[in-house]
Amino acid sequence: MKKTKIAFVCGDCGSEYNKWQGQCHDCQAWNTLKQISLGNPRNDRKAGYTGSVEALQTLDQIVVAEQPRMSLTSAEFNRVLGGGLVPGSAVLISGSPGAGKSTLLIQALCELAKTQACLYITGEESLAQIAMRANRLSLSTDRLKVMAETRVETIAEAWDANQPKVLVIDSIQVMHSDWVESAPGSVSQVRESAGFLIQKAKQTGTILIVVGHVTKDGNLAGPRVLEHMIDAFLMLEGDADGRYRTLRSIKNRFGAVNELGIFAMTDQGLKDVANPSAIFLNRSDLDAPGSVVMAVWEGTRPLLVEAQALVDQSAFSNPRRIAVGFEQNRLAMLLAVLSRHGGLQVADQDVYINAVGGIRVDETSSDLAVLMAVVSSFRNQPLPQDLICFGEVGLSGEIRPVPNGQERLREAAKHGFKRGLIPKSNVSKQAIEGMTLYPVSQLSEALSILSDW
């Protein structure tokens, strides 16, 4: 009798090992290796080989056609997807519990079901709970077909019988296959179940939308290979008690990466925010030190976000550096540049910075705004309310240009901003009407202009 081959797979990153060990060498996690069965090895490696090879082609011989897309009623959802859903694609949506993943999908499918055949598979909620949510949101429920099932073989039978154009799996962590001898949610079950569903979606041209769980660190739960198998990976972020949600594309083979969609959570579900900059600019009429508006670029559009800083005398021997919405290590680097090239010592001060509205800022164009907010708070000197600021700060104190400078300035002018503190290289020959620019090339120049205000 042939011996069954086994392997040990890390539950966090999906790395495989021949024998069990306490720590995964790839992700450094402890006690995450689980034993899985790989099936019986086959001696006949030529099984299934027909002897024919498809004719090879050069790139110029391949006919390139525009991918048809299925448009959604939500403009923000369409933006994050790159213009709509592509037939035969697999989309993974993840987010923390209570973020609104199921709400977003049930809204989208109830609208799509009016014109397309749609099937919603739930493995965590009962059909009554799905119906109650749809009725609470006042959705059209007479066209959408739903099914409560966790076995992928049964789902495949319903798939063949109904032939839906859009299929939602909620969620992949509870699905299981009879071909895998392990519990639902294990690495092998998630990988094999997802692989089976994605392959069937490609063969039938069905749009597959899969819901995934997250770990306590905010990362996608299950094997990391799941992110490589799908075509688009979207992350829904936001506090459960907060009003706004952000949908960000982490991976997208059919659109821009890091595209951002803004939604407002209401009693009627998730609603599009047509003017995202307006929700981040709800500022006080009183001049307050440590506050400045920056223009960041998210995907294919600019967003105006208020950056706040608070600098206070530290009561501890090791001053605190807290960054909410910004990168912690970059804050420490910027404070070192401020000390070395700006002559401002904050080594004995607690420094707190925050991006208003709960948005996460990843790009370096926020460097200059963060430093201006820190200096404003340290000197207790308010900045002008009509000031927009952006620019990357280098280690030698230089202010580097950022992409799409003109588009950022136009967005700021649209919202009534009259002054712009920007990198000198971002100054265009075409002036922005009604806006006075203050181009700088060194941090010392920006601090000098700040002193004049």
Protein backbone atom coordinates (compact mmCIF):
# COMPACT_ATOMS: atom_id res chain seq x y z
CA MET A 1 0.00 0.00 0.00
CA LYS A 2 1.41 3.39 -0.99
CA LYS A 3 2.41 5.69 1.85
CA THR A 4 0.49 8.96 2.13
CA LYS A 5 2.74 11.97 1.80
CA ILE A 6 2.41 14.58 4.54
CA ALA A 7 3.71 18.11 5.00
CA PHE A 8 3.63 20.77 7.70
CA VAL A 9 2.19 24.12 6.63
CA CYS A 10 2.35 27.43 8.50
CA GLY A 11 -1.13 28.75 9.25
CA ASP A 12 -0.02 32.39 8.94
CA CYS A 13 2.04 32.51 5.74
CA GLY A 14 1.47 29.10 4.09
CA SER A 15 5.13 28.00 4.05
CA GLU A 16 5.63 24.23 3.86
CA TYR A 17 8.14 22.08 5.78
CA ASN A 18 9.00 18.40 5.70
CA LYS A 19 8.87 18.03 9.49
CA TRP A 20 7.33 19.84 12.41
CA GLN A 21 9.20 22.67 14.12
CA GLY A 22 8.27 25.28 16.67
CA GLN A 23 8.88 28.42 14.60
CA CYS A 24 8.23 29.26 10.96
CA HIS A 25 11.44 30.58 9.40
CA ASP A 26 9.58 32.78 6.88
CA CYS A 27 7.14 34.73 9.08
CA GLN A 28 8.84 34.07 12.46
CA ALA A 29 5.52 32.94 14.01
CA TRP A 30 5.54 30.30 16.75
CA ASN A 31 3.42 27.13 16.94
CA THR A 32 1.60 27.76 13.66
CA LEU A 33 2.67 24.62 11.72
CA LYS A 34 -0.15 22.15 11.01
CA GLN A 35 0.09 18.71 9.45
CA ILE A 36 -1.70 18.18 6.14
CA SER A 37 -2.03 15.22 3.79
CA LEU A 38 -0.80 15.68 0.23
CA GLY A 39 -2.39 12.48 -1.10
CA ASN A 40 -0.73 9.41 -2.58
CA PRO A 41 2.25 10.09 -4.84
CA ARG A 42 1.90 8.99 -8.45
CA ASN A 43 4.62 6.92 -10.04
CA ASP A 44 3.44 7.55 -13.58
CA ARG A 45 4.47 11.17 -14.19
CA LYS A 46 3.32 10.95 -17.81
CA ALA A 47 -0.29 10.23 -16.92
CA GLY A 48 -2.61 12.50 -18.84
CA TYR A 49 0.05 13.56 -21.38
CA THR A 50 -1.41 13.53 -24.89
CA GLY A 51 1.78 14.31 -26.81
CA SER A 52 0.34 17.51 -28.35
CA VAL A 53 1.57 21.01 -27.54
CA GLU A 54 -0.37 24.15 -28.32
CA ALA A 55 1.30 26.30 -30.97
CA LEU A 56 3.38 29.10 -29.50
CA GLN A 57 2.69 32.72 -30.37
CA THR A 58 4.52 36.01 -30.15
CA LEU A 59 2.98 38.93 -28.29
CA ASP A 60 2.16 40.84 -31.48
CA GLN A 61 0.03 37.90 -32.73
CA ILE A 62 -2.27 37.97 -29.70
CA VAL A 63 -5.54 39.84 -30.19
CA VAL A 64 -6.03 42.24 -27.28
CA ALA A 65 -9.65 43.15 -26.57
CA GLU A 66 -11.03 45.44 -23.92
CA GLN A 67 -12.27 43.46 -20.93
CA PRO A 68 -16.06 43.78 -20.64
CA ARG A 69 -17.14 44.93 -17.20
CA MET A 70 -20.31 44.61 -15.18
CA SER A 71 -21.01 48.02 -13.69
CA LEU A 72 -22.34 48.39 -10.17
CA THR A 73 -24.73 51.06 -8.92
CA SER A 74 -22.12 52.18 -6.36
CA ALA A 75 -19.69 54.61 -8.00
CA GLU A 76 -17.14 54.19 -5.19
CA PHE A 77 -17.24 50.39 -5.47
CA ASN A 78 -16.77 50.69 -9.25
CA ARG A 79 -13.79 53.00 -8.74
CA VAL A 80 -11.99 50.58 -6.43
CA LEU A 81 -12.62 47.68 -8.81
CA GLY A 82 -11.21 49.69 -11.71
CA GLY A 83 -14.52 50.36 -13.48
CA GLY A 84 -16.66 47.35 -12.57
CA LEU A 85 -16.59 43.56 -12.25
CA VAL A 86 -14.79 41.55 -14.94
CA PRO A 87 -16.40 38.21 -15.97
CA GLY A 88 -14.35 35.23 -14.86
CA SER A 89 -12.50 37.21 -12.20
CA ALA A 90 -12.08 36.30 -8.53
CA VAL A 91 -12.38 39.14 -6.01
CA LEU A 92 -11.45 38.77 -2.34
CA ILE A 93 -12.98 41.23 0.16
CA SER A 94 -11.63 41.25 3.70
CA GLY A 95 -12.03 43.42 6.76
CA SER A 96 -12.46 43.38 10.50
CA PRO A 97 -15.71 42.08 12.06
CA GLY A 98 -18.47 44.67 11.87
CA ALA A 99 -16.83 46.68 9.08
CA GLY A 100 -19.76 46.05 6.73
CA LYS A 101 -18.52 43.40 4.26
CA SER A 102 -21.81 41.49 4.14
CA THR A 103 -23.81 44.72 4.04
CA LEU A 104 -21.82 46.03 1.08
CA LEU A 105 -22.19 42.78 -0.86
CA ILE A 106 -25.88 42.22 -0.18
CA GLN A 107 -26.57 45.77 -1.39
CA ALA A 108 -24.56 45.23 -4.57
CA LEU A 109 -26.11 41.84 -5.37
CA CYS A 110 -29.70 42.93 -4.77
CA GLU A 111 -29.20 45.64 -7.40
CA LEU A 112 -27.33 43.35 -9.83
CA ALA A 113 -29.98 40.65 -9.48
CA LYS A 114 -32.44 42.93 -11.26
CA THR A 115 -30.57 42.37 -14.53
CA GLN A 116 -28.20 39.43 -13.88
CA ALA A 117 -28.47 35.98 -12.33
CA CYS A 118 -26.82 36.19 -8.89
CA LEU A 119 -26.28 33.65 -6.13
CA TYR A 120 -25.31 34.46 -2.52
CA ILE A 121 -23.79 31.56 -0.54
CA THR A 122 -23.64 32.10 3.22
CA GLY A 123 -21.81 29.78 5.57
CA GLU A 124 -21.84 31.86 8.74
CA GLU A 125 -25.34 33.36 8.85
CA SER A 126 -28.74 31.80 8.44
CA LEU A 127 -30.99 32.67 5.52
CA ALA A 128 -33.35 34.42 7.93
CA GLN A 129 -30.53 36.74 9.05
CA ILE A 130 -29.72 37.60 5.43
CA ALA A 131 -33.38 38.33 4.72
CA MET A 132 -33.70 40.49 7.85
CA ARG A 133 -30.70 42.58 6.81
CA ALA A 134 -32.03 43.05 3.28
CA ASN A 135 -35.46 44.10 4.58
CA ARG A 136 -33.90 46.49 7.09
CA LEU A 137 -31.97 48.15 4.26
CA SER A 138 -35.14 48.33 2.10
CA LEU A 139 -33.53 46.33 -0.71
CA SER A 140 -35.23 44.55 -3.59
CA THR A 141 -35.25 40.88 -2.56
CA ASP A 142 -37.42 39.20 -5.19
CA ARG A 143 -34.59 38.34 -7.64
CA LEU A 144 -31.54 37.41 -5.53
CA LYS A 145 -31.11 33.68 -4.87
CA VAL A 146 -29.49 32.68 -1.55
CA MET A 147 -28.20 29.42 -0.14
CA ALA A 148 -26.76 28.35 3.22
CA GLU A 149 -23.99 25.83 2.53
CA THR A 150 -20.35 25.16 3.46
CA ARG A 151 -19.54 22.11 1.28
CA VAL A 152 -17.94 23.17 -2.01
CA GLU A 153 -19.17 20.07 -3.87
CA THR A 154 -22.78 20.97 -3.04
CA ILE A 155 -22.11 24.57 -4.05
CA ALA A 156 -20.77 23.33 -7.39
CA GLU A 157 -24.02 21.42 -8.00
CA ALA A 158 -26.09 24.54 -7.28
CA TRP A 159 -23.68 26.50 -9.46
CA ASP A 160 -24.28 24.19 -12.43
CA ALA A 161 -28.04 24.15 -11.90
CA ASN A 162 -28.52 27.94 -11.66
CA GLN A 163 -25.57 29.19 -13.78
CA PRO A 164 -25.21 32.55 -12.00
CA LYS A 165 -23.25 35.44 -13.48
CA VAL A 166 -22.14 36.59 -10.00
CA LEU A 167 -21.48 34.28 -7.06
CA VAL A 168 -20.62 35.40 -3.50
CA ILE A 169 -19.00 33.08 -0.93
CA ASP A 170 -19.35 34.35 2.65
CA SER A 171 -16.87 33.32 3.88
CA ILE A 172 -14.04 31.15 2.55
CA GLN A 173 -12.82 30.25 6.07
CA VAL A 174 -15.92 28.09 6.74
CA MET A 175 -15.88 26.23 3.41
CA HIS A 176 -14.67 22.64 3.23
CA SER A 177 -14.14 19.93 0.65
CA ASP A 178 -14.56 16.17 0.98
CA TRP A 179 -11.19 15.69 -0.73
CA VAL A 180 -9.29 17.25 2.18
CA GLU A 181 -9.07 15.46 5.51
CA SER A 182 -8.89 18.43 7.87
CA ALA A 183 -11.21 20.79 9.71
CA PRO A 184 -12.81 23.81 8.01
CA GLY A 185 -10.66 26.90 8.36
CA SER A 186 -7.38 24.99 8.22
CA VAL A 187 -4.71 25.97 5.73
CA SER A 188 -5.31 23.01 3.46
CA GLN A 189 -9.12 23.43 3.46
CA VAL A 190 -8.97 27.15 2.67
CA ARG A 191 -6.40 26.63 -0.07
CA GLU A 192 -8.14 23.70 -1.75
CA SER A 193 -11.65 25.16 -1.43
CA ALA A 194 -10.55 28.51 -2.85
CA GLY A 195 -8.61 26.83 -5.65
CA PHE A 196 -11.62 24.72 -6.64
CA LEU A 197 -14.02 27.69 -6.66
CA ILE A 198 -11.62 29.99 -8.55
CA GLN A 199 -10.94 27.33 -11.20
CA LYS A 200 -14.67 26.80 -11.74
CA ALA A 201 -15.22 30.56 -12.00
CA LYS A 202 -12.55 30.82 -14.71
CA GLN A 203 -14.05 27.90 -16.65
CA THR A 204 -17.62 29.23 -16.55
CA GLY A 205 -16.87 32.97 -16.82
CA THR A 206 -18.60 33.62 -13.49
CA ILE A 207 -17.66 36.57 -11.30
CA LEU A 208 -16.60 35.09 -7.95
CA ILE A 209 -16.57 37.32 -4.87
CA VAL A 210 -15.06 35.74 -1.77
CA VAL A 211 -15.22 37.13 1.77
CA GLY A 212 -12.16 36.53 3.97
CA HIS A 213 -11.47 36.94 7.67
CA VAL A 214 -8.63 38.95 9.19
CA THR A 215 -6.29 38.16 12.06
CA LYS A 216 -5.93 40.24 15.22
CA ASP A 217 -3.09 42.10 13.47
CA GLY A 218 -5.40 43.16 10.64
CA ASN A 219 -3.88 40.80 8.04
CA LEU A 220 -5.76 38.30 5.89
CA ALA A 221 -6.35 35.06 7.78
CA GLY A 222 -5.34 31.73 6.25
CA PRO A 223 -2.59 30.86 3.80
CA ARG A 224 -0.79 33.73 2.07
CA VAL A 225 -1.12 31.88 -1.23
CA LEU A 226 -4.80 32.93 -1.23
CA GLU A 227 -3.75 36.48 -2.16
CA HIS A 228 -1.83 35.15 -5.17
CA MET A 229 -4.75 33.05 -6.44
CA ILE A 230 -7.31 35.85 -6.70
CA ASP A 231 -7.43 38.72 -9.23
CA ALA A 232 -8.37 41.54 -6.86
CA PHE A 233 -7.95 41.93 -3.12
CA LEU A 234 -10.03 44.64 -1.44
CA MET A 235 -9.80 45.64 2.23
CA LEU A 236 -12.76 47.28 3.98
CA GLU A 237 -11.52 49.38 6.89
CA GLY A 238 -13.20 51.42 9.60
CA ASP A 239 -14.17 51.24 13.24
CA ALA A 240 -17.39 49.43 14.06
CA ASP A 241 -18.66 52.52 15.90
CA GLY A 242 -17.41 54.96 13.27
CA ARG A 243 -19.51 56.60 10.60
CA TYR A 244 -17.24 56.16 7.58
CA ARG A 245 -15.71 53.12 5.89
CA THR A 246 -12.84 53.02 3.40
CA LEU A 247 -12.53 50.33 0.72
CA ARG A 248 -8.95 50.03 -0.53
CA SER A 249 -7.61 47.85 -3.34
CA ILE A 250 -4.49 46.00 -2.18
CA LYS A 251 -4.19 44.05 -5.44
CA ASN A 252 -6.03 44.49 -8.71
CA ARG A 253 -5.18 42.90 -12.05
CA PHE A 254 -7.84 44.98 -13.80
CA GLY A 255 -7.35 48.41 -12.23
CA ALA A 256 -5.23 50.73 -10.12
CA VAL A 257 -3.69 49.51 -6.89
CA ASN A 258 -4.29 51.51 -3.70
CA GLU A 259 -7.48 53.00 -5.13
CA LEU A 260 -9.70 54.23 -2.32
CA GLY A 261 -13.47 54.31 -2.00
CA ILE A 262 -15.24 56.18 0.80
CA PHE A 263 -18.60 55.06 2.21
CA ALA A 264 -20.85 56.39 4.96
CA MET A 265 -22.57 53.87 7.20
CA THR A 266 -26.23 54.85 7.56
CA ASP A 267 -29.46 53.17 8.62
CA GLN A 268 -29.96 52.40 4.91
CA GLY A 269 -26.58 50.67 4.58
CA LEU A 270 -23.35 51.90 3.02
CA LYS A 271 -23.77 55.02 0.90
CA ASP A 272 -21.22 56.56 -1.48
CA VAL A 273 -19.45 59.72 -0.37
CA ALA A 274 -19.43 61.85 -3.52
CA ASN A 275 -16.95 64.44 -2.18
CA PRO A 276 -14.50 62.60 0.13
CA SER A 277 -12.34 65.69 0.76
CA ALA A 278 -15.29 67.45 2.39
CA ILE A 279 -15.61 64.86 5.18
CA PHE A 280 -11.94 65.22 6.09
CA LEU A 281 -12.08 69.03 6.15
CA ASN A 282 -14.68 69.56 8.86
CA ARG A 283 -12.40 71.97 10.70
CA SER A 284 -13.06 74.38 13.53
CA ASP A 285 -13.47 78.05 12.66
CA LEU A 286 -11.01 78.96 15.41
CA ASP A 287 -7.31 79.04 14.57
CA ALA A 288 -5.63 76.17 16.39
CA PRO A 289 -1.89 75.45 16.42
CA GLY A 290 -0.75 72.08 15.12
CA SER A 291 -3.32 71.78 12.32
CA VAL A 292 -2.67 71.89 8.58
CA VAL A 293 -4.37 70.46 5.49
CA MET A 294 -2.35 68.24 3.15
CA ALA A 295 -3.13 66.96 -0.33
CA VAL A 296 -2.51 63.22 -0.61
CA TRP A 297 -2.94 61.04 -3.69
CA GLU A 298 -5.09 57.94 -3.33
CA GLY A 299 -5.26 55.71 -6.38
CA THR A 300 -6.38 58.01 -9.20
CA ARG A 301 -7.60 61.09 -7.31
CA PRO A 302 -6.38 63.64 -4.74
CA LEU A 303 -7.79 63.85 -1.23
CA LEU A 304 -7.53 66.77 1.16
CA VAL A 305 -6.88 65.52 4.69
CA GLU A 306 -6.24 67.48 7.87
CA ALA A 307 -3.06 66.55 9.74
CA GLN A 308 -2.93 67.38 13.44
CA ALA A 309 0.07 67.41 15.76
CA LEU A 310 0.43 67.87 19.50
CA VAL A 311 3.84 68.55 21.04
CA ASP A 312 4.02 68.64 24.83
CA GLN A 313 6.69 68.46 27.52
CA SER A 314 7.32 64.80 28.35
CA ALA A 315 6.97 63.54 31.91
CA PHE A 316 9.02 60.44 31.12
CA SER A 317 12.69 59.84 30.46
CA ASN A 318 11.77 58.32 27.10
CA PRO A 319 9.41 60.74 25.24
CA ARG A 320 6.51 59.19 23.38
CA ARG A 321 6.09 59.19 19.59
CA ILE A 322 2.52 58.27 18.62
CA ALA A 323 1.34 58.26 14.99
CA VAL A 324 -2.30 57.54 14.10
CA GLY A 325 -2.84 57.21 10.36
CA PHE A 326 0.85 57.69 9.60
CA GLU A 327 3.88 55.42 9.66
CA GLN A 328 5.52 55.35 13.09
CA ASN A 329 9.09 54.92 11.87
CA ARG A 330 8.76 57.75 9.38
CA LEU A 331 7.69 60.12 12.15
CA ALA A 332 10.88 59.35 14.07
CA MET A 333 12.94 59.99 10.93
CA LEU A 334 11.20 63.32 10.22
CA LEU A 335 11.80 64.51 13.78
CA ALA A 336 15.50 63.72 13.37
CA VAL A 337 15.59 65.75 10.13
CA LEU A 338 13.80 68.60 11.92
CA SER A 339 16.43 68.58 14.65
CA ARG A 340 19.42 68.35 12.32
CA HIS A 341 18.37 70.68 9.49
CA GLY A 342 15.65 72.79 11.13
CA GLY A 343 17.35 73.56 14.42
CA LEU A 344 14.25 72.58 16.41
CA GLN A 345 14.90 70.23 19.34
CA VAL A 346 11.94 68.06 20.36
CA ALA A 347 13.96 65.28 21.98
CA ASP A 348 12.40 66.00 25.38
CA GLN A 349 8.86 66.42 24.00
CA ASP A 350 6.00 63.97 23.51
CA VAL A 351 4.89 64.11 19.86
CA TYR A 352 1.47 62.93 18.70
CA ILE A 353 0.23 63.15 15.11
CA ASN A 354 -3.14 62.18 13.70
CA ALA A 355 -4.81 62.00 10.28
CA VAL A 356 -8.35 63.30 10.82
CA GLY A 357 -11.21 61.11 9.63
CA GLY A 358 -9.59 57.74 10.30
CA ILE A 359 -7.81 57.58 6.94
CA ARG A 360 -4.40 55.92 6.65
CA VAL A 361 -1.76 57.93 4.78
CA ASP A 362 0.97 55.80 3.20
CA GLU A 363 2.65 58.09 0.67
CA THR A 364 5.57 60.41 1.42
CA SER A 365 3.86 63.60 0.21
CA SER A 366 2.62 64.12 3.77
CA ASP A 367 6.15 64.68 5.15
CA LEU A 368 6.17 68.47 4.85
CA ALA A 369 2.66 68.82 6.28
CA VAL A 370 3.55 66.65 9.30
CA LEU A 371 6.63 68.75 10.07
CA MET A 372 4.73 72.03 9.66
CA ALA A 373 2.05 70.77 12.07
CA VAL A 374 4.72 69.72 14.60
CA VAL A 375 6.47 73.11 14.39
CA SER A 376 3.14 74.92 14.67
CA SER A 377 2.22 73.03 17.84
CA PHE A 378 5.70 73.41 19.35
CA ARG A 379 5.72 77.18 18.79
CA ASN A 380 2.01 77.52 19.61
CA GLN A 381 1.64 79.37 16.30
CA PRO A 382 -1.53 78.65 14.27
CA LEU A 383 -1.16 78.15 10.53
CA PRO A 384 -3.44 79.94 8.03
CA GLN A 385 -6.79 78.25 7.49
CA ASP A 386 -6.44 78.62 3.71
CA LEU A 387 -3.05 76.87 3.53
CA ILE A 388 -2.48 73.59 1.64
CA CYS A 389 0.80 71.76 2.11
CA PHE A 390 2.51 68.76 0.52
CA GLY A 391 6.03 67.56 -0.28
CA GLU A 392 8.50 64.81 0.53
CA VAL A 393 11.32 65.60 2.97
CA GLY A 394 14.73 63.99 2.42
CA LEU A 395 17.34 63.12 5.03
CA SER A 396 19.49 66.08 4.00
CA GLY A 397 16.60 68.50 4.56
CA GLU A 398 15.67 68.91 0.89
CA ILE A 399 12.03 69.15 -0.21
CA ARG A 400 11.47 66.67 -3.02
CA PRO A 401 8.67 66.88 -5.62
CA VAL A 402 5.69 64.55 -5.58
CA PRO A 403 3.62 63.18 -8.49
CA ASN A 404 0.44 64.90 -9.72
CA GLY A 405 1.24 68.24 -8.11
CA GLN A 406 -1.07 70.26 -10.37
CA GLU A 407 -4.04 67.98 -9.72
CA ARG A 408 -3.52 68.35 -5.97
CA LEU A 409 -3.46 72.13 -6.25
CA ARG A 410 -6.60 72.19 -8.40
CA GLU A 411 -8.43 70.10 -5.82
CA ALA A 412 -7.32 72.50 -3.09
CA ALA A 413 -8.39 75.55 -5.09
CA LYS A 414 -11.79 73.93 -5.65
CA HIS A 415 -12.28 73.84 -1.86
CA GLY A 416 -11.29 77.46 -1.34
CA PHE A 417 -7.61 77.24 -0.39
CA LYS A 418 -5.63 80.37 -1.29
CA ARG A 419 -2.04 79.47 -0.35
CA GLY A 420 0.15 76.50 -1.15
CA LEU A 421 3.43 75.48 0.50
CA ILE A 422 4.83 73.07 -2.07
CA PRO A 423 8.15 71.78 -3.47
CA LYS A 424 9.82 74.12 -5.92
CA SER A 425 9.94 71.41 -8.59
CA ASN A 426 6.14 71.08 -8.47
CA VAL A 427 5.59 74.66 -9.63
CA SER A 428 4.05 74.62 -13.10
CA LYS A 429 4.08 77.32 -15.76
CA GLN A 430 0.29 77.24 -15.69
CA ALA A 431 -0.81 79.22 -12.62
CA ILE A 432 -3.69 78.17 -10.41
CA GLU A 433 -6.27 80.95 -10.37
CA GLY A 434 -6.78 82.52 -6.95
CA MET A 435 -3.91 80.64 -5.29
CA THR A 436 -0.55 82.02 -4.10
CA LEU A 437 2.25 79.45 -4.11
CA TYR A 438 5.24 79.38 -1.78
CA PRO A 439 7.76 77.04 -3.44
CA VAL A 440 10.56 75.72 -1.21
CA SER A 441 13.56 73.49 -1.86
CA GLN A 442 14.92 73.18 1.70
CA LEU A 443 13.30 72.63 5.08
CA SER A 444 14.92 75.83 6.37
CA GLU A 445 13.06 77.83 3.70
CA ALA A 446 9.71 76.36 4.79
CA LEU A 447 10.44 77.20 8.44
CA SER A 448 11.38 80.75 7.44
CA ILE A 449 8.06 81.21 5.61
CA LEU A 450 6.23 79.74 8.58
CA SER A 451 7.83 82.34 10.88
CA ASP A 452 6.56 85.16 8.64
CA TRP A 453 2.96 83.95 9.02
